[in-house]
N, C-alpha and C. Protein backbone atom coordinates (compact mmCIF):
# COMPACT_ATOMS: atom_id res chain seq x y z
N ASN A 1 -3.85 0.94 15.69
CA ASN A 1 -4.41 1.42 13.97
C ASN A 1 -5.88 0.67 14.77
N TRP A 2 -5.79 -0.49 15.25
CA TRP A 2 -7.14 -1.03 15.26
C TRP A 2 -7.94 0.09 16.11
N LEU A 3 -7.53 0.68 17.36
CA LEU A 3 -8.63 1.77 18.07
C LEU A 3 -8.76 2.98 17.05
N HIS A 4 -7.95 3.42 16.70
CA HIS A 4 -7.99 4.41 15.92
C HIS A 4 -8.46 4.42 14.63
N ASN A 5 -8.86 3.19 13.90
CA ASN A 5 -10.16 2.52 13.05
C ASN A 5 -11.46 2.26 13.77
N GLY A 6 -11.40 2.44 14.65
CA GLY A 6 -13.14 2.04 15.36
C GLY A 6 -13.16 0.37 15.77
N GLN A 7 -11.70 -0.18 16.04
CA GLN A 7 -11.88 -1.55 16.54
C GLN A 7 -12.68 -2.16 15.43
N GLY A 8 -13.78 -3.30 16.12
CA GLY A 8 -14.21 -4.26 15.07
C GLY A 8 -13.03 -4.82 14.11
N ASP A 9 -13.85 -4.79 13.08
CA ASP A 9 -13.35 -5.03 11.73
C ASP A 9 -12.24 -4.19 10.93
N GLY A 10 -11.84 -3.24 11.62
CA GLY A 10 -11.37 -1.88 11.13
C GLY A 10 -9.55 -2.29 10.41
N ASP A 11 -9.30 -1.88 10.03
CA ASP A 11 -7.81 -2.13 9.13
C ASP A 11 -6.96 -1.50 10.69
N THR A 12 -5.86 -2.60 10.30
CA THR A 12 -4.97 -2.60 11.20
C THR A 12 -3.52 -2.59 11.10
N GLU A 13 -3.04 -2.00 9.52
CA GLU A 13 -2.10 -1.80 8.80
C GLU A 13 -2.04 -0.37 8.45
N SER A 14 -3.19 0.42 8.55
CA SER A 14 -2.62 1.80 8.56
C SER A 14 -3.74 2.34 9.43
N GLY A 15 -3.51 3.97 9.50
CA GLY A 15 -4.53 4.64 10.42
C GLY A 15 -3.60 5.51 11.17
N ALA A 16 -3.31 5.60 12.46
CA ALA A 16 -2.57 5.86 13.37
C ALA A 16 -1.14 6.16 13.08
N TYR A 17 -0.41 4.62 12.46
CA TYR A 17 0.88 4.76 12.08
C TYR A 17 1.00 3.95 10.99
N ILE A 18 1.88 4.28 10.19
CA ILE A 18 2.04 3.82 8.63
C ILE A 18 3.42 2.85 8.99
N ASN A 19 3.67 1.94 8.14
CA ASN A 19 4.69 1.14 7.96
C ASN A 19 5.39 0.49 8.99
N ILE A 20 4.19 -0.26 9.69
CA ILE A 20 4.46 -1.06 11.15
C ILE A 20 5.57 -2.52 10.53
N GLY A 21 6.25 -2.48 11.27
CA GLY A 21 7.39 -3.32 11.16
C GLY A 21 8.60 -3.10 10.64
N ASN A 22 8.56 -1.70 9.92
CA ASN A 22 9.71 -1.29 9.53
C ASN A 22 10.33 -0.17 10.35
N GLN A 23 11.13 -0.55 11.04
CA GLN A 23 11.68 0.31 12.27
C GLN A 23 12.33 1.61 11.72
N THR A 24 12.69 1.84 10.25
CA THR A 24 13.14 3.13 9.48
C THR A 24 12.42 4.09 9.24
N THR A 25 10.95 3.68 8.83
CA THR A 25 9.80 4.57 8.38
C THR A 25 8.42 4.26 9.33
N PHE A 26 8.48 3.38 10.10
CA PHE A 26 7.68 3.66 11.27
C PHE A 26 7.38 5.20 11.67
N ALA A 27 6.00 5.70 11.71
CA ALA A 27 5.46 6.81 12.25
C ALA A 27 4.39 7.04 12.38
N ARG A 28 3.86 7.74 13.90
CA ARG A 28 2.60 8.00 14.21
C ARG A 28 2.28 9.20 13.24
N GLN A 29 1.01 9.14 12.53
CA GLN A 29 0.42 10.18 11.33
C GLN A 29 -0.24 11.17 12.65
N PRO A 30 -0.23 12.20 11.92
CA PRO A 30 -0.83 13.64 12.31
C PRO A 30 -2.29 13.73 12.97
N ASP A 31 -2.94 12.70 12.30
CA ASP A 31 -4.12 12.73 12.72
C ASP A 31 -4.48 11.72 14.01
N ALA A 32 -3.55 11.06 14.04
CA ALA A 32 -4.14 9.73 15.09
C ALA A 32 -4.90 10.21 16.30
N LYS A 33 -5.56 9.20 16.44
CA LYS A 33 -6.50 9.50 17.61
C LYS A 33 -6.15 8.58 19.12
N TRP A 34 -5.81 7.44 18.95
CA TRP A 34 -4.47 6.55 19.67
C TRP A 34 -3.37 6.22 19.52
N TRP A 35 -2.45 6.46 20.50
CA TRP A 35 -1.25 5.98 19.87
C TRP A 35 -0.29 5.74 21.28
N VAL A 36 0.78 4.75 20.76
CA VAL A 36 1.19 4.27 22.08
C VAL A 36 2.78 5.84 22.06
N PRO A 37 2.46 6.11 23.50
CA PRO A 37 3.36 7.31 23.75
C PRO A 37 4.73 7.52 23.37
N SER A 38 5.27 8.61 22.98
CA SER A 38 6.80 8.80 22.76
C SER A 38 7.61 8.97 24.30
N GLU A 39 8.50 8.67 24.15
CA GLU A 39 9.16 8.75 25.54
C GLU A 39 9.23 9.63 25.83
N ASP A 40 9.02 11.01 25.60
CA ASP A 40 8.96 12.32 26.24
C ASP A 40 7.36 12.20 27.14
N GLU A 41 6.55 11.70 26.34
CA GLU A 41 4.96 11.87 26.46
C GLU A 41 4.69 10.94 27.62
N TRP A 42 5.31 9.39 27.54
CA TRP A 42 5.48 8.66 28.87
C TRP A 42 6.04 9.40 30.06
N TYR A 43 7.07 9.85 29.90
CA TYR A 43 7.89 10.67 30.97
C TYR A 43 7.18 11.51 31.81
N LYS A 44 6.57 12.36 30.94
CA LYS A 44 5.86 13.36 31.74
C LYS A 44 4.85 12.76 32.28
N ALA A 45 4.23 11.85 32.11
CA ALA A 45 2.81 11.43 32.89
C ALA A 45 3.45 10.53 34.07
N ALA A 46 4.59 10.04 33.72
CA ALA A 46 5.01 9.38 35.03
C ALA A 46 5.89 9.83 36.01
N TYR A 47 6.43 11.05 35.55
CA TYR A 47 7.16 11.72 36.51
C TYR A 47 7.32 13.35 36.99
N HIS A 48 6.58 14.06 35.71
CA HIS A 48 6.41 15.26 36.11
C HIS A 48 5.50 15.76 37.44
N LYS A 49 5.91 16.50 37.71
CA LYS A 49 4.75 17.39 39.28
C LYS A 49 3.84 17.59 38.99
N ASN A 50 3.08 17.78 37.82
CA ASN A 50 2.13 18.26 37.12
C ASN A 50 1.65 19.63 38.23
N ASP A 51 2.69 20.44 38.02
CA ASP A 51 2.35 21.89 38.90
C ASP A 51 2.82 22.88 37.90
N GLY A 52 2.88 23.15 36.55
CA GLY A 52 2.65 23.82 35.74
C GLY A 52 4.17 24.26 35.52
N ALA A 53 5.07 24.22 36.17
CA ALA A 53 6.30 24.56 36.10
C ALA A 53 7.12 23.18 35.14
N THR A 54 8.13 23.80 33.97
CA THR A 54 8.34 22.91 33.25
C THR A 54 9.42 22.06 33.43
N GLY A 55 10.27 22.22 34.45
CA GLY A 55 11.53 21.35 34.99
C GLY A 55 11.26 20.60 36.23
N ASN A 56 9.94 20.67 36.71
CA ASN A 56 9.95 20.22 38.01
C ASN A 56 9.58 18.45 37.77
N TYR A 57 10.17 17.61 37.70
CA TYR A 57 9.81 16.43 37.89
C TYR A 57 10.23 15.62 39.15
N TRP A 58 9.25 14.55 39.64
CA TRP A 58 9.71 13.33 40.65
C TRP A 58 10.84 12.20 40.32
N ASP A 59 11.48 11.52 41.17
CA ASP A 59 12.41 10.66 40.70
C ASP A 59 11.81 9.43 40.17
N TYR A 60 10.44 9.18 40.96
CA TYR A 60 9.58 7.99 40.55
C TYR A 60 8.63 8.20 40.34
N PRO A 61 7.71 7.14 39.63
CA PRO A 61 6.36 7.53 38.87
C PRO A 61 5.29 7.50 40.34
N THR A 62 5.68 7.49 41.48
CA THR A 62 4.41 7.37 42.58
C THR A 62 4.66 8.77 43.12
N GLY A 63 5.07 9.77 42.41
CA GLY A 63 4.88 11.38 43.01
C GLY A 63 5.82 11.38 43.90
N THR A 64 6.77 10.81 43.96
CA THR A 64 7.92 11.10 45.14
C THR A 64 9.52 11.09 44.67
N ASN A 65 10.09 11.19 45.46
CA ASN A 65 11.69 11.31 45.30
C ASN A 65 12.22 10.05 46.13
N ALA A 66 11.38 9.36 47.24
CA ALA A 66 11.72 8.16 47.89
C ALA A 66 11.46 7.13 47.00
N VAL A 67 12.31 6.21 47.36
CA VAL A 67 12.64 5.05 46.55
C VAL A 67 11.14 3.73 46.88
N PRO A 68 10.02 3.84 46.32
CA PRO A 68 8.83 2.78 46.10
C PRO A 68 9.01 1.58 47.08
N SER A 69 8.29 0.94 48.08
CA SER A 69 8.35 -0.05 48.34
C SER A 69 7.51 -0.84 47.26
N ASN A 70 7.47 -1.97 47.44
CA ASN A 70 6.63 -3.42 46.95
C ASN A 70 6.06 -3.76 47.46
N GLN A 71 5.36 -3.40 48.59
CA GLN A 71 4.37 -3.99 49.57
C GLN A 71 2.95 -4.00 48.71
N LEU A 72 2.09 -4.97 48.82
CA LEU A 72 0.79 -4.86 48.58
C LEU A 72 -0.28 -5.06 49.71
N LEU A 73 -0.75 -4.17 50.31
CA LEU A 73 -1.30 -3.85 51.09
C LEU A 73 -2.69 -3.19 51.32
N ALA A 74 -3.66 -3.37 51.75
CA ALA A 74 -5.15 -2.70 51.69
C ALA A 74 -5.41 -2.04 52.94
N PRO A 75 -5.39 -0.95 53.04
CA PRO A 75 -5.76 0.34 51.88
C PRO A 75 -4.07 0.64 51.42
N ASP A 76 -3.74 0.91 50.47
CA ASP A 76 -2.43 1.11 49.76
C ASP A 76 -2.04 2.48 50.52
N PRO A 77 -0.77 2.36 51.16
CA PRO A 77 -0.10 3.34 52.30
C PRO A 77 0.21 4.59 51.38
N GLY A 78 0.50 4.24 49.60
CA GLY A 78 0.94 5.22 48.69
C GLY A 78 2.28 4.68 48.69
N ASN A 79 3.27 5.38 47.45
CA ASN A 79 4.96 5.20 47.37
C ASN A 79 4.78 3.24 47.29
N ASN A 80 3.79 2.68 46.21
CA ASN A 80 4.55 1.33 46.52
C ASN A 80 4.38 0.83 44.87
N ALA A 81 4.72 -0.11 44.15
CA ALA A 81 4.97 -0.56 42.97
C ALA A 81 5.26 -1.77 42.79
N ASN A 82 4.60 -2.70 41.65
CA ASN A 82 5.18 -3.61 41.45
C ASN A 82 6.24 -4.34 41.04
N PHE A 83 7.62 -4.04 41.58
CA PHE A 83 8.83 -4.44 41.00
C PHE A 83 9.57 -5.92 41.79
N ASN A 84 8.83 -6.49 42.15
CA ASN A 84 9.63 -7.51 42.52
C ASN A 84 8.43 -8.83 42.21
N ARG A 85 9.09 -9.96 41.77
CA ARG A 85 8.08 -10.86 41.60
C ARG A 85 7.09 -11.89 42.87
N TYR A 86 7.56 -11.25 43.87
CA TYR A 86 7.00 -11.61 45.33
C TYR A 86 6.07 -10.80 45.60
N THR A 87 5.60 -9.52 44.77
CA THR A 87 4.82 -8.54 45.48
C THR A 87 3.52 -9.21 45.19
N SER A 88 3.25 -9.73 44.45
CA SER A 88 2.02 -10.51 43.97
C SER A 88 1.70 -12.29 43.63
N ASP A 89 1.01 -13.03 43.74
CA ASP A 89 0.98 -14.42 43.77
C ASP A 89 1.32 -14.52 42.31
N GLY A 90 1.57 -15.79 42.01
CA GLY A 90 2.06 -16.54 40.72
C GLY A 90 0.60 -16.90 39.92
N PRO A 91 0.71 -17.26 38.56
CA PRO A 91 1.35 -17.45 38.16
C PRO A 91 1.90 -16.27 37.46
N TYR A 92 0.97 -15.20 37.24
CA TYR A 92 1.34 -14.01 36.66
C TYR A 92 2.29 -12.92 37.16
N TYR A 93 2.09 -12.76 38.65
CA TYR A 93 2.84 -11.81 39.02
C TYR A 93 2.64 -10.29 38.63
N THR A 94 1.81 -10.24 37.89
CA THR A 94 1.40 -8.67 37.52
C THR A 94 0.12 -8.60 38.62
N THR A 95 -0.25 -7.40 38.77
CA THR A 95 -1.43 -6.49 39.66
C THR A 95 -2.42 -5.89 38.35
N GLU A 96 -3.32 -5.87 39.25
CA GLU A 96 -4.62 -5.29 38.60
C GLU A 96 -4.08 -3.68 38.17
N VAL A 97 -4.90 -2.96 37.45
CA VAL A 97 -4.74 -1.60 37.17
C VAL A 97 -5.14 -1.11 38.26
N GLY A 98 -4.48 -0.08 39.07
CA GLY A 98 -5.16 0.64 40.35
C GLY A 98 -5.11 0.00 41.41
N GLU A 99 -4.42 -1.12 41.39
CA GLU A 99 -4.14 -2.12 43.04
C GLU A 99 -3.64 -1.29 44.12
N PHE A 100 -2.66 -0.55 43.49
CA PHE A 100 -1.86 0.53 44.48
C PHE A 100 -2.58 1.98 44.23
N GLU A 101 -3.67 2.29 44.62
CA GLU A 101 -4.76 3.18 44.70
C GLU A 101 -4.00 4.66 45.05
N ASN A 102 -3.29 4.56 45.91
CA ASN A 102 -2.92 5.90 46.55
C ASN A 102 -1.29 5.90 45.83
N SER A 103 -0.67 5.32 44.75
CA SER A 103 0.46 5.13 44.14
C SER A 103 0.29 5.75 42.89
N GLU A 104 -0.37 6.80 42.40
CA GLU A 104 -0.62 7.19 40.98
C GLU A 104 0.45 8.22 40.91
N SER A 105 0.78 8.45 39.74
CA SER A 105 1.72 9.51 38.95
C SER A 105 1.04 10.77 39.45
N PRO A 106 1.41 11.90 39.36
CA PRO A 106 0.88 13.22 39.51
C PRO A 106 -0.31 13.56 38.59
N TYR A 107 -0.35 12.63 37.23
CA TYR A 107 -1.23 12.87 36.30
C TYR A 107 -2.24 12.04 36.35
N GLY A 108 -2.01 11.16 37.14
CA GLY A 108 -3.38 10.22 37.58
C GLY A 108 -3.13 8.79 37.17
N THR A 109 -1.67 8.36 36.40
CA THR A 109 -1.61 7.29 35.84
C THR A 109 -1.43 6.29 36.86
N PHE A 110 -1.77 4.93 36.68
CA PHE A 110 -1.17 4.00 37.91
C PHE A 110 -0.35 3.19 36.78
N ASP A 111 0.71 2.44 38.17
CA ASP A 111 1.33 1.16 37.31
C ASP A 111 2.62 1.84 36.25
N GLN A 112 2.97 2.94 36.09
CA GLN A 112 3.94 3.26 35.46
C GLN A 112 5.71 2.74 35.73
N GLY A 113 5.44 2.61 37.06
CA GLY A 113 6.89 1.91 37.62
C GLY A 113 6.17 0.23 37.93
N GLY A 114 7.35 -0.55 37.59
CA GLY A 114 6.69 -1.71 37.75
C GLY A 114 5.80 -2.32 36.74
N ASN A 115 5.38 -3.84 37.48
CA ASN A 115 4.13 -4.35 36.74
C ASN A 115 4.85 -5.14 35.07
N LEU A 116 4.96 -4.06 34.33
CA LEU A 116 5.40 -4.57 32.95
C LEU A 116 6.44 -3.50 32.52
N TRP A 117 7.47 -3.62 31.65
CA TRP A 117 8.11 -2.62 31.20
C TRP A 117 7.13 -2.24 29.60
N GLU A 118 7.18 -0.76 29.62
CA GLU A 118 6.02 -0.43 28.49
C GLU A 118 6.68 0.11 27.33
N TRP A 119 6.46 -0.42 26.17
CA TRP A 119 6.88 0.16 25.24
C TRP A 119 6.49 1.99 24.75
N ASN A 120 7.25 2.45 24.01
CA ASN A 120 7.66 4.15 23.92
C ASN A 120 7.66 3.99 22.15
N GLU A 121 7.47 5.07 21.61
CA GLU A 121 7.53 5.29 19.95
C GLU A 121 9.21 5.36 19.81
N THR A 122 9.91 6.15 20.79
CA THR A 122 11.21 6.46 20.50
C THR A 122 11.88 5.39 20.15
N ALA A 123 12.79 5.38 19.12
CA ALA A 123 13.88 4.98 18.66
C ALA A 123 15.10 4.54 19.16
N ILE A 124 15.45 3.51 20.03
CA ILE A 124 16.88 3.97 20.37
C ILE A 124 17.90 2.83 19.59
N GLY A 125 18.84 3.32 18.76
CA GLY A 125 19.43 2.77 17.81
C GLY A 125 18.52 1.67 17.13
N SER A 126 18.96 0.42 16.98
CA SER A 126 17.40 -0.31 16.11
C SER A 126 16.59 -0.51 17.29
N SER A 127 16.55 -0.46 18.63
CA SER A 127 15.41 -0.84 19.40
C SER A 127 14.42 0.16 19.22
N ARG A 128 13.23 -0.07 19.96
CA ARG A 128 12.21 0.57 20.39
C ARG A 128 12.48 0.95 21.92
N GLY A 129 12.15 1.92 22.53
CA GLY A 129 12.25 2.19 23.90
C GLY A 129 11.25 1.52 24.96
N LEU A 130 12.18 1.31 26.02
CA LEU A 130 10.99 0.64 27.08
C LEU A 130 11.48 1.38 28.67
N ARG A 131 9.92 1.78 28.77
CA ARG A 131 10.22 2.19 30.57
C ARG A 131 9.47 1.57 31.45
N GLY A 132 9.57 1.81 32.51
CA GLY A 132 9.11 1.71 34.06
C GLY A 132 9.33 0.36 34.52
N SER A 133 10.04 -0.53 33.84
CA SER A 133 10.25 -2.09 35.08
C SER A 133 9.03 -3.00 34.79
N SER A 134 9.38 -3.72 35.51
CA SER A 134 8.52 -5.00 35.47
C SER A 134 8.11 -5.95 36.66
N TRP A 135 7.65 -6.59 36.89
CA TRP A 135 7.03 -6.95 37.93
C TRP A 135 8.18 -8.15 38.41
N ARG A 136 9.14 -8.31 37.42
CA ARG A 136 10.50 -9.68 37.56
C ARG A 136 11.53 -8.78 38.10
N ASN A 137 11.79 -7.53 38.18
CA ASN A 137 13.02 -6.81 38.12
C ASN A 137 12.97 -6.09 39.79
N ASP A 138 13.40 -6.87 40.82
CA ASP A 138 14.15 -6.79 42.26
C ASP A 138 14.85 -5.49 42.39
N LEU A 139 14.91 -4.58 41.34
CA LEU A 139 15.75 -3.61 41.99
C LEU A 139 14.94 -2.30 41.98
N SER A 140 14.91 -1.38 42.59
CA SER A 140 14.08 -0.10 42.45
C SER A 140 14.92 0.59 41.49
N LYS A 141 15.87 0.42 41.36
CA LYS A 141 16.76 1.44 40.21
C LYS A 141 15.76 1.46 39.16
N TYR A 142 15.39 0.64 38.51
CA TYR A 142 14.64 0.38 37.01
C TYR A 142 13.36 1.33 37.04
N LEU A 143 13.30 1.90 38.31
CA LEU A 143 11.97 2.81 38.41
C LEU A 143 12.27 3.92 38.04
N HIS A 144 13.38 4.32 38.52
CA HIS A 144 13.97 5.87 38.63
C HIS A 144 13.90 6.55 37.30
N GLY A 145 13.74 7.76 37.43
CA GLY A 145 13.26 8.60 35.93
C GLY A 145 14.49 8.44 35.28
N ALA A 146 15.63 8.05 35.71
CA ALA A 146 16.86 8.47 34.83
C ALA A 146 17.44 7.02 34.26
N TYR A 147 16.52 5.91 34.33
CA TYR A 147 16.59 4.41 33.85
C TYR A 147 16.16 4.04 32.48
N ARG A 148 16.39 4.12 31.34
CA ARG A 148 15.78 3.91 30.15
C ARG A 148 16.61 2.73 29.54
N ASN A 149 15.43 1.69 28.72
CA ASN A 149 15.45 0.65 28.27
C ASN A 149 15.36 0.36 26.78
N GLY A 150 15.80 -0.46 25.91
CA GLY A 150 15.38 -0.51 24.66
C GLY A 150 15.57 -2.00 24.27
N LEU A 151 14.70 -2.40 22.95
CA LEU A 151 14.61 -3.70 22.87
C LEU A 151 14.12 -3.87 21.55
N ASP A 152 14.31 -4.77 20.75
CA ASP A 152 13.72 -5.01 19.18
C ASP A 152 12.51 -5.43 19.57
N PRO A 153 11.56 -4.57 18.85
CA PRO A 153 10.05 -4.66 19.01
C PRO A 153 9.72 -6.42 18.26
N ALA A 154 10.53 -7.09 17.67
CA ALA A 154 10.18 -8.26 17.39
C ALA A 154 10.17 -9.40 18.92
N ASP A 155 11.15 -8.99 19.62
CA ASP A 155 11.12 -9.45 21.06
C ASP A 155 9.50 -9.67 21.80
N GLU A 156 9.08 -10.42 22.32
CA GLU A 156 7.93 -10.84 23.20
C GLU A 156 8.25 -11.31 24.43
N GLY A 157 7.30 -11.02 25.04
CA GLY A 157 7.50 -11.65 26.94
C GLY A 157 6.54 -11.26 27.65
N SER A 158 6.62 -11.95 28.73
CA SER A 158 5.19 -11.52 29.63
C SER A 158 6.19 -10.44 30.63
N LEU A 159 6.82 -9.85 30.19
CA LEU A 159 7.77 -8.83 30.79
C LEU A 159 7.34 -7.46 30.15
N ILE A 160 6.58 -7.58 28.99
CA ILE A 160 6.81 -5.99 27.95
C ILE A 160 5.14 -5.99 28.05
N GLY A 161 4.74 -4.57 28.02
CA GLY A 161 3.43 -4.45 27.21
C GLY A 161 3.40 -3.08 26.88
N PHE A 162 2.16 -2.48 26.88
CA PHE A 162 2.08 -1.26 26.12
C PHE A 162 0.87 -0.09 27.47
N ARG A 163 0.77 0.97 26.88
CA ARG A 163 -0.46 1.71 27.33
C ARG A 163 -0.70 2.91 26.09
N VAL A 164 -1.68 3.00 25.80
CA VAL A 164 -2.19 3.94 24.99
C VAL A 164 -2.55 5.13 25.00
N ALA A 165 -2.54 6.48 24.47
CA ALA A 165 -2.75 7.84 24.86
C ALA A 165 -3.75 8.15 24.01
N THR A 166 -4.37 9.17 24.08
CA THR A 166 -5.38 9.52 23.35
C THR A 166 -5.65 11.14 23.87
N VAL A 167 -6.39 12.02 23.22
CA VAL A 167 -6.67 13.41 23.49
C VAL A 167 -8.31 13.25 23.69
N PRO A 168 -8.53 13.68 25.02
CA PRO A 168 -10.10 13.56 25.03
C PRO A 168 -10.82 14.36 24.15
N GLU A 169 -12.12 13.70 23.75
CA GLU A 169 -13.38 14.35 22.94
C GLU A 169 -13.56 15.81 23.51
N PRO A 170 -13.78 17.01 22.14
CA PRO A 170 -14.35 18.35 22.70
C PRO A 170 -15.25 18.39 23.68
N SER A 171 -16.07 17.50 23.51
CA SER A 171 -17.50 17.53 24.77
C SER A 171 -16.88 16.93 25.90
N THR A 172 -15.84 16.23 26.00
CA THR A 172 -15.56 16.11 27.57
C THR A 172 -14.53 17.35 27.90
N LEU A 173 -13.74 17.90 27.37
CA LEU A 173 -12.99 19.02 27.61
C LEU A 173 -14.17 20.27 28.05
N ALA A 174 -15.27 20.32 27.02
CA ALA A 174 -16.14 21.19 27.24
C ALA A 174 -16.95 20.89 28.66
N LEU A 175 -17.35 19.81 28.80
CA LEU A 175 -17.79 19.23 30.27
C LEU A 175 -17.28 19.56 31.31
N LEU A 176 -15.52 19.24 31.47
CA LEU A 176 -14.89 19.17 32.42
C LEU A 176 -14.29 21.17 32.62
N ALA A 177 -14.42 21.80 31.56
CA ALA A 177 -14.39 23.35 31.98
C ALA A 177 -15.76 23.92 32.67
N ALA A 178 -16.81 23.36 31.93
CA ALA A 178 -18.18 23.81 33.02
C ALA A 178 -18.32 23.37 34.39
N GLY A 179 -17.50 22.27 34.50
CA GLY A 179 -17.66 21.99 35.89
C GLY A 179 -16.44 22.78 36.69
N VAL A 180 -15.57 22.94 35.94
CA VAL A 180 -14.35 23.84 36.98
C VAL A 180 -14.83 25.27 37.16
N ILE A 181 -15.97 26.06 35.76
CA ILE A 181 -16.66 27.35 36.29
C ILE A 181 -17.60 26.98 37.30
N ALA A 182 -18.27 26.02 37.68
CA ALA A 182 -18.96 25.73 38.34
C ALA A 182 -18.72 25.92 39.82
N LEU A 183 -17.42 25.09 39.73
CA LEU A 183 -17.08 25.23 41.16
C LEU A 183 -16.57 26.54 41.86
N MET A 184 -15.87 27.11 40.76
CA MET A 184 -15.40 28.60 40.77
C MET A 184 -16.48 29.65 41.15
N ALA A 185 -17.63 29.54 40.81
CA ALA A 185 -18.82 30.22 41.12
C ALA A 185 -19.34 29.80 42.27
N SER A 186 -19.26 28.53 42.76
CA SER A 186 -19.61 28.22 43.82
C SER A 186 -19.19 28.57 45.29
N GLY A 187 -17.63 28.31 44.77
CA GLY A 187 -16.83 28.77 45.62
C GLY A 187 -16.83 30.35 46.27
N ARG A 188 -17.29 31.22 45.15
CA ARG A 188 -17.36 33.03 45.21
C ARG A 188 -18.57 33.24 46.04
N ARG A 189 -19.57 32.47 45.86
CA ARG A 189 -20.78 32.63 46.22
C ARG A 189 -20.50 32.48 47.95
N ARG A 190 -20.14 31.50 48.13
CA ARG A 190 -20.14 30.63 49.67
C ARG A 190 -19.13 31.85 50.19
N ARG A 191 -17.99 32.28 49.56
CA ARG A 191 -17.42 33.17 50.31
C ARG A 191 -17.94 34.74 50.78
N ARG A 192 -18.89 35.13 49.15
CA ARG A 192 -19.68 36.30 49.65
C ARG A 192 -20.74 35.87 50.71
N LEU A 193 -21.42 34.85 50.91
CA LEU A 193 -22.05 34.46 51.84
C LEU A 193 -21.54 34.38 53.50
N ASN A 194 -20.29 33.91 53.50
CA ASN A 194 -19.60 34.12 54.77
C ASN A 194 -19.48 35.66 54.85
N ALA A 195 -19.00 36.49 54.20
CA ALA A 195 -18.42 37.72 54.23
C ALA A 195 -19.76 38.35 54.92
N SER A 196 -21.09 38.20 54.29
CA SER A 196 -22.13 38.70 54.84
C SER A 196 -22.82 38.16 56.12
N ASP A 197 -22.06 36.90 56.55
CA ASP A 197 -22.64 36.45 58.09
C ASP A 197 -22.22 37.21 59.08
N PRO A 198 -23.10 38.03 59.73
CA PRO A 198 -22.47 38.48 60.89
C PRO A 198 -21.78 37.82 61.88
N ALA A 199 -21.65 36.31 62.02
CA ALA A 199 -20.81 35.77 63.22
C ALA A 199 -19.74 35.39 62.37
N ALA A 200 -19.50 35.62 61.03
CA ALA A 200 -18.23 35.80 60.56
C ALA A 200 -17.11 36.84 60.95
């Protein structure tokens, strides 16, 4: 709600969500500008192969079916996650966003495996969903796409966090589309030039 209402002194009790604190009627509003992802949205960002096919998913949020390691190396060799308290030094044991720069999901999100359990909107009984595991869980099974967790939202701790989602502004989408069109035109022009080159 704070992000939805423009931050600053904006209202935090209404906006993207209504009935905060009431697990029965808590709900995202249709005009939400920022929100905590549903479990499906979170799962897709973490595990989907981003190849256009509906049912293609990786086992781990590092874009692989191989169990990730927890090595903090520079440069990151890929397929790494912070899921063991000894991955990084204390006292906090978390890593900076993007620390594993070559271990992002196919959608380009970082740290969806390890670091912190992340809340999602989905209700699991009287609990809210958690995904992704944390720095303290030293078993990679918690990173696997099949593993889901839930907890009462009143519980807090150093192992739990959240990420927010948004839809890009229309101007950002227009710029992205213009860039793609320019790249396609440039590629066609280059192919035509190469085709007319006698050496080609």
